[in-house]
């Protein structure tokens, strides 16, 4: 971050002396030359990029911290009881027949007027 600020100051210094605003017909402080807008634009772009990069690095650091730290979770009595049950004590699951028929024939709602659908 510090090096980025130093480079921004270097670009501003290399950009030349200050002068009139880079808008045709505008003058300020009696300057005879125009200011270089390219240096100012480059510095503004560098500031935006460095702030975005800093936010990205902070997000990565926070995510890494969250993934590497271990949270202390207490034992849940219900979870312990369920995990200790034997397979003989487990409830037998009986499949329930589907009360709705699944046919390829059209239903009564799909029937044409004057005809019956499948019932």
PDB file of N, CA and C in Angstrom:
ATOM      1  N   UNK A   1       0.840  -1.184   0.000  1.00  0.00           N
ATOM      2  CA  UNK A   1       0.000   0.000   0.000  1.00  0.00           C
ATOM      3  C   UNK A   1       0.887   1.250   0.000  1.00  0.00           C
ATOM      4  N   UNK A   2       1.935   1.206   0.809  1.00  0.00           N
ATOM      5  CA  UNK A   2       2.839   2.346   0.894  1.00  0.00           C
ATOM      6  C   UNK A   2       3.573   2.548  -0.430  1.00  0.00           C
ATOM      7  N   UNK A   3       3.970   1.445  -1.062  1.00  0.00           N
ATOM      8  CA  UNK A   3       4.664   1.547  -2.348  1.00  0.00           C
ATOM      9  C   UNK A   3       3.713   2.099  -3.413  1.00  0.00           C
ATOM     10  N   UNK A   4       2.449   1.703  -3.361  1.00  0.00           N
ATOM     11  CA  UNK A   4       1.471   2.227  -4.308  1.00  0.00           C
ATOM     12  C   UNK A   4       1.304   3.731  -4.178  1.00  0.00           C
ATOM     13  N   UNK A   5       1.284   4.218  -2.943  1.00  0.00           N
ATOM     14  CA  UNK A   5       1.189   5.668  -2.734  1.00  0.00           C
ATOM     15  C   UNK A   5       2.439   6.378  -3.246  1.00  0.00           C
ATOM     16  N   UNK A   6       3.601   5.754  -3.055  1.00  0.00           N
ATOM     17  CA  UNK A   6       4.843   6.358  -3.544  1.00  0.00           C
ATOM     18  C   UNK A   6       4.836   6.430  -5.069  1.00  0.00           C
ATOM     19  N   UNK A   7       4.354   5.388  -5.718  1.00  0.00           N
ATOM     20  CA  UNK A   7       4.283   5.393  -7.186  1.00  0.00           C
ATOM     21  C   UNK A   7       3.290   6.456  -7.664  1.00  0.00           C
ATOM     22  N   UNK A   8       2.194   6.627  -6.953  1.00  0.00           N
ATOM     23  CA  UNK A   8       1.230   7.673  -7.326  1.00  0.00           C
ATOM     24  C   UNK A   8       1.861   9.055  -7.247  1.00  0.00           C
ATOM     25  N   UNK A   9       2.622   9.309  -6.203  1.00  0.00           N
ATOM     26  CA  UNK A   9       3.311  10.604  -6.098  1.00  0.00           C
ATOM     27  C   UNK A   9       4.355  10.766  -7.195  1.00  0.00           C
ATOM     28  N   UNK A  10       5.029   9.674  -7.556  1.00  0.00           N
ATOM     29  CA  UNK A  10       6.009   9.727  -8.638  1.00  0.00           C
ATOM     30  C   UNK A  10       5.327  10.073  -9.960  1.00  0.00           C
ATOM     31  N   UNK A  11       4.202   9.463 -10.231  1.00  0.00           N
ATOM     32  CA  UNK A  11       3.469   9.759 -11.473  1.00  0.00           C
ATOM     33  C   UNK A  11       3.019  11.215 -11.486  1.00  0.00           C
ATOM     34  N   UNK A  12       2.562  11.715 -10.350  1.00  0.00           N
ATOM     35  CA  UNK A  12       2.126  13.112 -10.276  1.00  0.00           C
ATOM     36  C   UNK A  12       3.296  14.059 -10.513  1.00  0.00           C
ATOM     37  N   UNK A  13       4.462  13.717  -9.984  1.00  0.00           N
ATOM     38  CA  UNK A  13       5.642  14.563 -10.172  1.00  0.00           C
ATOM     39  C   UNK A  13       6.103  14.535 -11.627  1.00  0.00           C
ATOM     40  N   UNK A  14       6.105  13.355 -12.229  1.00  0.00           N
ATOM     41  CA  UNK A  14       6.545  13.228 -13.616  1.00  0.00           C
ATOM     42  C   UNK A  14       5.549  13.901 -14.557  1.00  0.00           C
ATOM     43  N   UNK A  15       4.286  14.003 -14.137  1.00  0.00           N
ATOM     44  CA  UNK A  15       3.252  14.619 -14.967  1.00  0.00           C
ATOM     45  C   UNK A  15       3.503  16.085 -15.259  1.00  0.00           C
ATOM     46  N   UNK A  16       4.414  16.698 -14.577  1.00  0.00           N
ATOM     47  CA  UNK A  16       4.757  18.090 -14.857  1.00  0.00           C
ATOM     48  C   UNK A  16       4.107  19.049 -13.872  1.00  0.00           C
ATOM     49  N   UNK A  17       4.405  20.312 -14.090  1.00  0.00           N
ATOM     50  CA  UNK A  17       3.877  21.351 -13.214  1.00  0.00           C
ATOM     51  C   UNK A  17       2.388  21.521 -13.443  1.00  0.00           C
ATOM     52  N   UNK A  18       1.737  22.046 -12.414  1.00  0.00           N
ATOM     53  CA  UNK A  18       0.313  22.326 -12.532  1.00  0.00           C
ATOM     54  C   UNK A  18       0.068  23.458 -13.508  1.00  0.00           C
ATOM     55  N   UNK A  19      -1.114  23.524 -14.013  1.00  0.00           N
ATOM     56  CA  UNK A  19      -1.432  24.584 -14.962  1.00  0.00           C
ATOM     57  C   UNK A  19      -2.929  24.786 -15.036  1.00  0.00           C
ATOM     58  N   UNK A  20      -3.358  25.290 -16.166  1.00  0.00           N
ATOM     59  CA  UNK A  20      -4.785  25.502 -16.387  1.00  0.00           C
ATOM     60  C   UNK A  20      -5.510  24.158 -16.401  1.00  0.00           C
ATOM     61  N   UNK A  21      -6.781  24.169 -16.060  1.00  0.00           N
ATOM     62  CA  UNK A  21      -7.550  22.923 -16.177  1.00  0.00           C
ATOM     63  C   UNK A  21      -7.565  22.458 -17.630  1.00  0.00           C
ATOM     64  N   UNK A  22      -7.586  21.153 -17.867  1.00  0.00           N
ATOM     65  CA  UNK A  22      -7.529  20.659 -19.244  1.00  0.00           C
ATOM     66  C   UNK A  22      -8.867  20.782 -19.977  1.00  0.00           C
ATOM     67  N   UNK A  23      -9.528  21.922 -19.807  1.00  0.00           N
ATOM     68  CA  UNK A  23     -10.781  22.208 -20.493  1.00  0.00           C
ATOM     69  C   UNK A  23     -10.540  23.456 -21.327  1.00  0.00           C
ATOM     70  N   UNK A  24     -10.889  23.408 -22.584  1.00  0.00           N
ATOM     71  CA  UNK A  24     -10.606  24.514 -23.490  1.00  0.00           C
ATOM     72  C   UNK A  24     -11.318  25.790 -23.027  1.00  0.00           C
ATOM     73  N   UNK A  25     -10.559  26.859 -22.938  1.00  0.00           N
ATOM     74  CA  UNK A  25     -11.118  28.153 -22.580  1.00  0.00           C
ATOM     75  C   UNK A  25     -11.090  28.453 -21.087  1.00  0.00           C
ATOM     76  N   UNK A  26     -10.662  27.539 -20.252  1.00  0.00           N
ATOM     77  CA  UNK A  26     -10.605  27.774 -18.804  1.00  0.00           C
ATOM     78  C   UNK A  26      -9.186  28.166 -18.404  1.00  0.00           C
ATOM     79  N   UNK A  27      -9.075  29.097 -17.474  1.00  0.00           N
ATOM     80  CA  UNK A  27      -7.761  29.492 -16.950  1.00  0.00           C
ATOM     81  C   UNK A  27      -7.848  29.593 -15.442  1.00  0.00           C
ATOM     82  N   UNK A  28      -6.688  29.424 -14.795  1.00  0.00           N
ATOM     83  CA  UNK A  28      -6.636  29.597 -13.342  1.00  0.00           C
ATOM     84  C   UNK A  28      -5.247  30.050 -12.941  1.00  0.00           C
ATOM     85  N   UNK A  29      -5.171  30.988 -12.034  1.00  0.00           N
ATOM     86  CA  UNK A  29      -3.919  31.509 -11.467  1.00  0.00           C
ATOM     87  C   UNK A  29      -2.951  32.034 -12.524  1.00  0.00           C
ATOM     88  N   UNK A  30      -3.436  32.427 -13.663  1.00  0.00           N
ATOM     89  CA  UNK A  30      -2.570  33.016 -14.685  1.00  0.00           C
ATOM     90  C   UNK A  30      -1.545  32.058 -15.253  1.00  0.00           C
ATOM     91  N   UNK A  31      -1.773  30.749 -15.195  1.00  0.00           N
ATOM     92  CA  UNK A  31      -0.817  29.783 -15.734  1.00  0.00           C
ATOM     93  C   UNK A  31      -0.850  29.824 -17.252  1.00  0.00           C
ATOM     94  N   UNK A  32       0.305  29.564 -17.858  1.00  0.00           N
ATOM     95  CA  UNK A  32       0.394  29.610 -19.316  1.00  0.00           C
ATOM     96  C   UNK A  32       0.275  28.232 -19.954  1.00  0.00           C
ATOM     97  N   UNK A  33       0.437  27.171 -19.172  1.00  0.00           N
ATOM     98  CA  UNK A  33       0.352  25.808 -19.725  1.00  0.00           C
ATOM     99  C   UNK A  33      -0.854  25.088 -19.129  1.00  0.00           C
ATOM    100  N   UNK A  34      -1.259  24.034 -19.818  1.00  0.00           N
ATOM    101  CA  UNK A  34      -2.362  23.209 -19.319  1.00  0.00           C
ATOM    102  C   UNK A  34      -1.811  22.064 -18.474  1.00  0.00           C
ATOM    103  N   UNK A  35      -2.596  21.632 -17.506  1.00  0.00           N
ATOM    104  CA  UNK A  35      -2.213  20.482 -16.689  1.00  0.00           C
ATOM    105  C   UNK A  35      -2.380  19.209 -17.516  1.00  0.00           C
ATOM    106  N   UNK A  36      -1.594  18.191 -17.196  1.00  0.00           N
ATOM    107  CA  UNK A  36      -1.660  16.922 -17.922  1.00  0.00           C
ATOM    108  C   UNK A  36      -2.731  16.040 -17.277  1.00  0.00           C
ATOM    109  N   UNK A  37      -3.868  15.812 -17.950  1.00  0.00           N
ATOM    110  CA  UNK A  37      -4.924  15.009 -17.342  1.00  0.00           C
ATOM    111  C   UNK A  37      -4.596  13.516 -17.314  1.00  0.00           C
ATOM    112  N   UNK A  38      -3.641  13.072 -18.134  1.00  0.00           N
ATOM    113  CA  UNK A  38      -3.297  11.657 -18.173  1.00  0.00           C
ATOM    114  C   UNK A  38      -2.711  11.198 -16.840  1.00  0.00           C
ATOM    115  N   UNK A  39      -1.833  11.996 -16.267  1.00  0.00           N
ATOM    116  CA  UNK A  39      -1.227  11.624 -14.980  1.00  0.00           C
ATOM    117  C   UNK A  39      -2.292  11.550 -13.888  1.00  0.00           C
ATOM    118  N   UNK A  40      -3.207  12.496 -13.884  1.00  0.00           N
ATOM    119  CA  UNK A  40      -4.259  12.484 -12.865  1.00  0.00           C
ATOM    120  C   UNK A  40      -5.191  11.292 -13.051  1.00  0.00           C
ATOM    121  N   UNK A  41      -5.508  10.967 -14.296  1.00  0.00           N
ATOM    122  CA  UNK A  41      -6.349   9.803 -14.571  1.00  0.00           C
ATOM    123  C   UNK A  41      -5.673   8.504 -14.175  1.00  0.00           C
ATOM    124  N   UNK A  42      -4.372   8.399 -14.429  1.00  0.00           N
ATOM    125  CA  UNK A  42      -3.637   7.193 -14.045  1.00  0.00           C
ATOM    126  C   UNK A  42      -3.592   7.036 -12.533  1.00  0.00           C
ATOM    127  N   UNK A  43      -3.415   8.125 -11.819  1.00  0.00           N
ATOM    128  CA  UNK A  43      -3.372   8.061 -10.357  1.00  0.00           C
ATOM    129  C   UNK A  43      -4.733   7.653  -9.805  1.00  0.00           C
ATOM    130  N   UNK A  44      -5.792   8.227 -10.343  1.00  0.00           N
ATOM    131  CA  UNK A  44      -7.133   7.865  -9.886  1.00  0.00           C
ATOM    132  C   UNK A  44      -7.420   6.387 -10.145  1.00  0.00           C
ATOM    133  N   UNK A  45      -7.019   5.898 -11.310  1.00  0.00           N
ATOM    134  CA  UNK A  45      -7.196   4.477 -11.623  1.00  0.00           C
ATOM    135  C   UNK A  45      -6.382   3.610 -10.680  1.00  0.00           C
ATOM    136  N   UNK A  46      -5.158   4.001 -10.384  1.00  0.00           N
ATOM    137  CA  UNK A  46      -4.307   3.229  -9.475  1.00  0.00           C
ATOM    138  C   UNK A  46      -4.894   3.193  -8.070  1.00  0.00           C
ATOM    139  N   UNK A  47      -5.490   4.282  -7.631  1.00  0.00           N
ATOM    140  CA  UNK A  47      -6.106   4.314  -6.300  1.00  0.00           C
ATOM    141  C   UNK A  47      -7.290   3.358  -6.243  1.00  0.00           C
ATOM    142  N   UNK A  48      -8.123   3.367  -7.269  1.00  0.00           N
ATOM    143  CA  UNK A  48      -9.290   2.480  -7.298  1.00  0.00           C
ATOM    144  C   UNK A  48      -8.854   1.019  -7.322  1.00  0.00           C
ATOM    145  N   UNK A  49      -7.853   0.700  -8.133  1.00  0.00           N
ATOM    146  CA  UNK A  49      -7.369  -0.680  -8.214  1.00  0.00           C
ATOM    147  C   UNK A  49      -6.755  -1.118  -6.896  1.00  0.00           C
ATOM    148  N   UNK A  50      -5.983  -0.259  -6.260  1.00  0.00           N
ATOM    149  CA  UNK A  50      -5.351  -0.646  -4.985  1.00  0.00           C
ATOM    150  C   UNK A  50      -6.388  -0.829  -3.882  1.00  0.00           C
ATOM    151  N   UNK A  51      -7.446  -0.033  -3.879  1.00  0.00           N
ATOM    152  CA  UNK A  51      -8.494  -0.226  -2.874  1.00  0.00           C
ATOM    153  C   UNK A  51      -9.251  -1.529  -3.124  1.00  0.00           C
ATOM    154  N   UNK A  52      -9.526  -1.855  -4.377  1.00  0.00           N
ATOM    155  CA  UNK A  52     -10.175  -3.124  -4.701  1.00  0.00           C
ATOM    156  C   UNK A  52      -9.308  -4.310  -4.328  1.00  0.00           C
ATOM    157  N   UNK A  53      -8.013  -4.205  -4.584  1.00  0.00           N
ATOM    158  CA  UNK A  53      -7.086  -5.276  -4.225  1.00  0.00           C
ATOM    159  C   UNK A  53      -6.993  -5.431  -2.710  1.00  0.00           C
ATOM    160  N   UNK A  54      -6.980  -4.326  -1.990  1.00  0.00           N
ATOM    161  CA  UNK A  54      -6.937  -4.399  -0.523  1.00  0.00           C
ATOM    162  C   UNK A  54      -8.199  -5.059   0.026  1.00  0.00           C
ATOM    163  N   UNK A  55      -9.359  -4.736  -0.538  1.00  0.00           N
ATOM    164  CA  UNK A  55     -10.606  -5.366  -0.093  1.00  0.00           C
ATOM    165  C   UNK A  55     -10.594  -6.856  -0.394  1.00  0.00           C
ATOM    166  N   UNK A  56     -10.063  -7.248  -1.549  1.00  0.00           N
ATOM    167  CA  UNK A  56      -9.990  -8.664  -1.913  1.00  0.00           C
ATOM    168  C   UNK A  56      -9.062  -9.425  -0.971  1.00  0.00           C
ATOM    169  N   UNK A  57      -7.914  -8.853  -0.653  1.00  0.00           N
ATOM    170  CA  UNK A  57      -6.970  -9.508   0.264  1.00  0.00           C
ATOM    171  C   UNK A  57      -7.581  -9.628   1.656  1.00  0.00           C
ATOM    172  N   UNK A  58      -8.290  -8.611   2.108  1.00  0.00           N
ATOM    173  CA  UNK A  58      -8.948  -8.702   3.417  1.00  0.00           C
ATOM    174  C   UNK A  58     -10.028  -9.777   3.420  1.00  0.00           C
ATOM    175  N   UNK A  59     -10.776  -9.904   2.329  1.00  0.00           N
ATOM    176  CA  UNK A  59     -11.799 -10.949   2.242  1.00  0.00           C
ATOM    177  C   UNK A  59     -11.164 -12.333   2.252  1.00  0.00           C
ATOM    178  N   UNK A  60     -10.046 -12.501   1.537  1.00  0.00           N
ATOM    179  CA  UNK A  60      -9.341 -13.787   1.551  1.00  0.00           C
ATOM    180  C   UNK A  60      -8.799 -14.108   2.935  1.00  0.00           C
ATOM    181  N   UNK A  61      -8.255 -13.110   3.615  1.00  0.00           N
ATOM    182  CA  UNK A  61      -7.719 -13.340   4.959  1.00  0.00           C
ATOM    183  C   UNK A  61      -8.831 -13.728   5.924  1.00  0.00           C
ATOM    184  N   UNK A  62      -9.973 -13.076   5.832  1.00  0.00           N
ATOM    185  CA  UNK A  62     -11.092 -13.406   6.712  1.00  0.00           C
ATOM    186  C   UNK A  62     -11.606 -14.808   6.429  1.00  0.00           C
ATOM    187  N   UNK A  63     -11.712 -15.163   5.148  1.00  0.00           N
ATOM    188  CA  UNK A  63     -12.186 -16.506   4.786  1.00  0.00           C
ATOM    189  C   UNK A  63     -11.198 -17.570   5.265  1.00  0.00           C
ATOM    190  N   UNK A  64      -9.920 -17.302   5.125  1.00  0.00           N
ATOM    191  CA  UNK A  64      -8.902 -18.241   5.596  1.00  0.00           C
ATOM    192  C   UNK A  64      -8.970 -18.393   7.109  1.00  0.00           C
ATOM    193  N   UNK A  65      -9.186 -17.306   7.807  1.00  0.00           N
ATOM    194  CA  UNK A  65      -9.316 -17.357   9.263  1.00  0.00           C
ATOM    195  C   UNK A  65     -10.523 -18.194   9.669  1.00  0.00           C
ATOM    196  N   UNK A  66     -11.645 -17.994   8.984  1.00  0.00           N
ATOM    197  CA  UNK A  66     -12.864 -18.747   9.321  1.00  0.00           C
ATOM    198  C   UNK A  66     -12.706 -20.237   9.038  1.00  0.00           C
ATOM    199  N   UNK A  67     -11.949 -20.590   7.994  1.00  0.00           N
ATOM    200  CA  UNK A  67     -11.777 -21.995   7.651  1.00  0.00           C
ATOM    201  C   UNK A  67     -10.758 -22.700   8.538  1.00  0.00           C
ATOM    202  N   UNK A  68      -9.770 -21.988   9.036  1.00  0.00           N
ATOM    203  CA  UNK A  68      -8.707 -22.635   9.806  1.00  0.00           C
ATOM    204  C   UNK A  68      -8.970 -22.658  11.300  1.00  0.00           C
ATOM    205  N   UNK A  69      -9.836 -21.816  11.799  1.00  0.00           N
ATOM    206  CA  UNK A  69     -10.114 -21.846  13.237  1.00  0.00           C
ATOM    207  C   UNK A  69     -11.187 -22.880  13.519  1.00  0.00           C
ATOM    208  N   UNK A  70     -11.047 -23.545  14.652  1.00  0.00           N
ATOM    209  CA  UNK A  70     -11.985 -24.594  15.037  1.00  0.00           C
ATOM    210  C   UNK A  70     -12.931 -24.019  16.076  1.00  0.00           C
ATOM    211  N   UNK A  71     -14.204 -24.156  15.789  1.00  0.00           N
ATOM    212  CA  UNK A  71     -15.189 -23.697  16.751  1.00  0.00           C
ATOM    213  C   UNK A  71     -15.469 -24.814  17.741  1.00  0.00           C
ATOM    214  N   UNK A  72     -15.587 -24.479  18.990  1.00  0.00           N
ATOM    215  CA  UNK A  72     -15.856 -25.459  20.040  1.00  0.00           C
ATOM    216  C   UNK A  72     -17.359 -25.699  20.101  1.00  0.00           C
ATOM    217  N   UNK A  73     -17.765 -26.913  19.745  1.00  0.00           N
ATOM    218  CA  UNK A  73     -19.172 -27.272  19.752  1.00  0.00           C
ATOM    219  C   UNK A  73     -19.382 -28.296  20.849  1.00  0.00           C
ATOM    220  N   UNK A  74     -20.342 -28.038  21.710  1.00  0.00           N
ATOM    221  CA  UNK A  74     -20.622 -28.963  22.804  1.00  0.00           C
ATOM    222  C   UNK A  74     -21.351 -30.201  22.317  1.00  0.00           C
ATOM    223  N   UNK A  75     -21.346 -31.243  23.151  1.00  0.00           N
ATOM    224  CA  UNK A  75     -22.049 -32.476  22.809  1.00  0.00           C
ATOM    225  C   UNK A  75     -23.544 -32.275  22.971  1.00  0.00           C
ATOM    226  N   UNK A  76     -24.266 -32.698  21.974  1.00  0.00           N
ATOM    227  CA  UNK A  76     -25.716 -32.637  22.002  1.00  0.00           C
ATOM    228  C   UNK A  76     -26.227 -33.977  22.519  1.00  0.00           C
ATOM    229  N   UNK A  77     -26.987 -33.994  23.617  1.00  0.00           N
ATOM    230  CA  UNK A  77     -27.431 -35.280  24.172  1.00  0.00           C
ATOM    231  C   UNK A  77     -28.281 -36.089  23.198  1.00  0.00           C
ATOM    232  N   UNK A  78     -29.102 -35.441  22.417  1.00  0.00           N
ATOM    233  CA  UNK A  78     -29.938 -36.164  21.456  1.00  0.00           C
ATOM    234  C   UNK A  78     -29.076 -36.803  20.370  1.00  0.00           C
ATOM    235  N   UNK A  79     -28.080 -36.073  19.907  1.00  0.00           N
ATOM    236  CA  UNK A  79     -27.189 -36.615  18.890  1.00  0.00           C
ATOM    237  C   UNK A  79     -26.402 -37.807  19.429  1.00  0.00           C
ATOM    238  N   UNK A  80     -25.961 -37.725  20.666  1.00  0.00           N
ATOM    239  CA  UNK A  80     -25.235 -38.836  21.288  1.00  0.00           C
ATOM    240  C   UNK A  80     -26.139 -40.053  21.429  1.00  0.00           C
ATOM    241  N   UNK A  81     -27.371 -39.853  21.837  1.00  0.00           N
ATOM    242  CA  UNK A  81     -28.312 -40.962  22.019  1.00  0.00           C
ATOM    243  C   UNK A  81     -28.602 -41.645  20.688  1.00  0.00           C
ATOM    244  N   UNK A  82     -28.796 -40.873  19.644  1.00  0.00           N
ATOM    245  CA  UNK A  82     -29.099 -41.448  18.337  1.00  0.00           C
ATOM    246  C   UNK A  82     -27.898 -42.216  17.796  1.00  0.00           C
ATOM    247  N   UNK A  83     -26.707 -41.695  17.983  1.00  0.00           N
ATOM    248  CA  UNK A  83     -25.531 -42.374  17.450  1.00  0.00           C
ATOM    249  C   UNK A  83     -25.220 -43.659  18.195  1.00  0.00           C
ATOM    250  N   UNK A  84     -25.683 -43.807  19.444  1.00  0.00           N
ATOM    251  CA  UNK A  84     -25.405 -45.010  20.225  1.00  0.00           C
ATOM    252  C   UNK A  84     -26.480 -46.079  20.070  1.00  0.00           C
ATOM    253  N   UNK A  85     -27.547 -45.803  19.390  1.00  0.00           N
ATOM    254  CA  UNK A  85     -28.595 -46.809  19.196  1.00  0.00           C
ATOM    255  C   UNK A  85     -28.075 -47.937  18.329  1.00  0.00           C
ATOM    256  N   UNK A  86     -28.442 -49.127  18.663  1.00  0.00           N
ATOM    257  CA  UNK A  86     -28.007 -50.269  17.852  1.00  0.00           C
ATOM    258  C   UNK A  86     -28.964 -50.442  16.687  1.00  0.00           C
ATOM    259  N   UNK A  87     -28.547 -51.222  15.735  1.00  0.00           N
ATOM    260  CA  UNK A  87     -29.389 -51.424  14.560  1.00  0.00           C
ATOM    261  C   UNK A  87     -30.638 -52.225  14.904  1.00  0.00           C
ATOM    262  N   UNK A  88     -30.596 -53.002  15.991  1.00  0.00           N
ATOM    263  CA  UNK A  88     -31.776 -53.769  16.397  1.00  0.00           C
ATOM    264  C   UNK A  88     -32.857 -52.851  16.942  1.00  0.00           C
ATOM    265  N   UNK A  89     -32.476 -51.732  17.503  1.00  0.00           N
ATOM    266  CA  UNK A  89     -33.443 -50.815  18.092  1.00  0.00           C
ATOM    267  C   UNK A  89     -34.043 -49.868  17.057  1.00  0.00           C
ATOM    268  N   UNK A  90     -33.435 -49.824  15.894  1.00  0.00           N
ATOM    269  CA  UNK A  90     -33.935 -48.894  14.888  1.00  0.00           C
ATOM    270  C   UNK A  90     -35.315 -49.318  14.415  1.00  0.00           C
ATOM    271  N   UNK A  91     -36.098 -48.358  14.102  1.00  0.00           N
ATOM    272  CA  UNK A  91     -37.457 -48.624  13.656  1.00  0.00           C
ATOM    273  C   UNK A  91     -37.435 -49.185  12.247  1.00  0.00           C
ATOM    274  N   UNK A  92     -38.299 -50.154  12.026  1.00  0.00           N
ATOM    275  CA  UNK A  92     -38.386 -50.744  10.701  1.00  0.00           C
ATOM    276  C   UNK A  92     -39.239 -49.834   9.830  1.00  0.00           C
ATOM    277  N   UNK A  93     -38.731 -49.538   8.665  1.00  0.00           N
ATOM    278  CA  UNK A  93     -39.433 -48.643   7.755  1.00  0.00           C
ATOM    279  C   UNK A  93     -40.267 -49.487   6.809  1.00  0.00           C
ATOM    280  N   UNK A  94     -41.558 -49.264   6.823  1.00  0.00           N
ATOM    281  CA  UNK A  94     -42.481 -49.993   5.958  1.00  0.00           C
ATOM    282  C   UNK A  94     -42.886 -49.054   4.832  1.00  0.00           C
ATOM    283  N   UNK A  95     -42.629 -49.463   3.594  1.00  0.00           N
ATOM    284  CA  UNK A  95     -43.014 -48.578   2.490  1.00  0.00           C
ATOM    285  C   UNK A  95     -44.527 -48.491   2.378  1.00  0.00           C
ATOM    286  N   UNK A  96     -45.016 -47.311   2.158  1.00  0.00           N
ATOM    287  CA  UNK A  96     -46.448 -47.059   2.031  1.00  0.00           C
ATOM    288  C   UNK A  96     -46.776 -46.968   0.549  1.00  0.00           C
ATOM    289  N   UNK A  97     -47.832 -47.679   0.159  1.00  0.00           N
ATOM    290  CA  UNK A  97     -48.242 -47.650  -1.240  1.00  0.00           C
ATOM    291  C   UNK A  97     -48.763 -46.262  -1.592  1.00  0.00           C
ATOM    292  N   UNK A  98     -48.479 -45.839  -2.805  1.00  0.00           N
ATOM    293  CA  UNK A  98     -48.911 -44.524  -3.266  1.00  0.00           C
ATOM    294  C   UNK A  98     -50.405 -44.578  -3.565  1.00  0.00           C
ATOM    295  N   UNK A  99     -51.217 -43.745  -2.900  1.00  0.00           N
ATOM    296  CA  UNK A  99     -52.658 -43.801  -3.125  1.00  0.00           C
ATOM    297  C   UNK A  99     -53.066 -43.282  -4.506  1.00  0.00           C
ATOM    298  N   UNK A 100     -52.197 -42.583  -5.178  1.00  0.00           N
ATOM    299  CA  UNK A 100     -52.529 -42.019  -6.486  1.00  0.00           C
ATOM    300  C   UNK A 100     -51.971 -42.914  -7.580  1.00  0.00           C
ATOM    301  N   UNK A 101     -52.827 -43.238  -8.534  1.00  0.00           N
ATOM    302  CA  UNK A 101     -52.370 -44.023  -9.670  1.00  0.00           C
ATOM    303  C   UNK A 101     -51.607 -43.124 -10.624  1.00  0.00           C
ATOM    304  N   UNK A 102     -50.562 -43.696 -11.199  1.00  0.00           N
ATOM    305  CA  UNK A 102     -49.803 -42.966 -12.202  1.00  0.00           C
ATOM    306  C   UNK A 102     -49.988 -43.682 -13.531  1.00  0.00           C
ATOM    307  N   UNK A 103     -50.828 -43.142 -14.369  1.00  0.00           N
ATOM    308  CA  UNK A 103     -51.091 -43.760 -15.665  1.00  0.00           C
ATOM    309  C   UNK A 103     -50.714 -42.796 -16.764  1.00  0.00           C
ATOM    310  N   UNK A 104     -50.515 -43.370 -17.924  1.00  0.00           N
ATOM    311  CA  UNK A 104     -50.226 -42.535 -19.086  1.00  0.00           C
ATOM    312  C   UNK A 104     -51.498 -42.048 -19.760  1.00  0.00           C
ATOM    313  N   UNK A 105     -52.619 -42.634 -19.347  1.00  0.00           N
ATOM    314  CA  UNK A 105     -53.892 -42.232 -19.930  1.00  0.00           C
ATOM    315  C   UNK A 105     -54.290 -40.867 -19.383  1.00  0.00           C
ATOM    316  N   UNK A 106     -55.053 -40.099 -20.150  1.00  0.00           N
ATOM    317  CA  UNK A 106     -55.448 -38.769 -19.679  1.00  0.00           C
ATOM    318  C   UNK A 106     -56.409 -38.850 -18.499  1.00  0.00           C
ATOM    319  N   UNK A 107     -56.331 -37.880 -17.615  1.00  0.00           N
ATOM    320  CA  UNK A 107     -57.226 -37.804 -16.466  1.00  0.00           C
ATOM    321  C   UNK A 107     -58.576 -37.260 -16.892  1.00  0.00           C
ATOM    322  N   UNK A 108     -59.490 -37.234 -15.900  1.00  0.00           N
ATOM    323  CA  UNK A 108     -60.806 -36.683 -16.202  1.00  0.00           C
ATOM    324  C   UNK A 108     -60.726 -35.194 -16.519  1.00  0.00           C
ATOM    325  N   UNK A 109     -59.699 -34.521 -16.010  1.00  0.00           N
ATOM    326  CA  UNK A 109     -59.555 -33.102 -16.323  1.00  0.00           C
ATOM    327  C   UNK A 109     -59.007 -32.900 -17.730  1.00  0.00           C
ATOM    328  N   UNK A 110     -58.333 -33.948 -18.251  1.00  0.00           N
ATOM    329  CA  UNK A 110     -57.780 -33.855 -19.593  1.00  0.00           C
ATOM    330  C   UNK A 110     -58.755 -34.341 -20.660  1.00  0.00           C
ATOM    331  N   UNK A 111     -59.913 -34.818 -20.238  1.00  0.00           N
ATOM    332  CA  UNK A 111     -60.860 -35.422 -21.185  1.00  0.00           C
ATOM    333  C   UNK A 111     -61.415 -34.373 -22.129  1.00  0.00           C
ATOM    334  N   UNK A 112     -61.706 -34.834 -23.333  1.00  0.00           N
ATOM    335  CA  UNK A 112     -62.330 -33.960 -24.313  1.00  0.00           C
ATOM    336  C   UNK A 112     -63.811 -33.826 -23.989  1.00  0.00           C
ATOM    337  N   UNK A 113     -64.447 -32.759 -24.379  1.00  0.00           N
ATOM    338  CA  UNK A 113     -65.880 -32.628 -24.129  1.00  0.00           C
ATOM    339  C   UNK A 113     -66.643 -33.775 -24.791  1.00  0.00           C
ATOM    340  N   UNK A 114     -67.499 -34.438 -24.003  1.00  0.00           N
ATOM    341  CA  UNK A 114     -68.283 -35.543 -24.514  1.00  0.00           C
ATOM    342  C   UNK A 114     -67.618 -36.887 -24.297  1.00  0.00           C
ATOM    343  N   UNK A 115     -66.364 -36.937 -23.844  1.00  0.00           N
ATOM    344  CA  UNK A 115     -65.651 -38.186 -23.582  1.00  0.00           C
ATOM    345  C   UNK A 115     -65.210 -38.205 -22.131  1.00  0.00           C
ATOM    346  N   UNK A 116     -65.027 -39.402 -21.586  1.00  0.00           N
ATOM    347  CA  UNK A 116     -64.536 -39.519 -20.216  1.00  0.00           C
ATOM    348  C   UNK A 116     -63.041 -39.772 -20.239  1.00  0.00           C
ATOM    349  N   UNK A 117     -62.363 -39.259 -19.243  1.00  0.00           N
ATOM    350  CA  UNK A 117     -60.943 -39.538 -19.096  1.00  0.00           C
ATOM    351  C   UNK A 117     -60.732 -40.789 -18.277  1.00  0.00           C
ATOM    352  N   UNK A 118     -59.492 -41.102 -17.894  1.00  0.00           N
ATOM    353  CA  UNK A 118     -59.218 -42.290 -17.075  1.00  0.00           C
ATOM    354  C   UNK A 118     -59.640 -42.012 -15.646  1.00  0.00           C
ATOM    355  N   UNK A 119     -60.288 -43.008 -15.018  1.00  0.00           N
ATOM    356  CA  UNK A 119     -60.737 -42.831 -13.638  1.00  0.00           C
ATOM    357  C   UNK A 119     -60.135 -43.886 -12.776  1.00  0.00           C
TER     358      UNK A 119
END
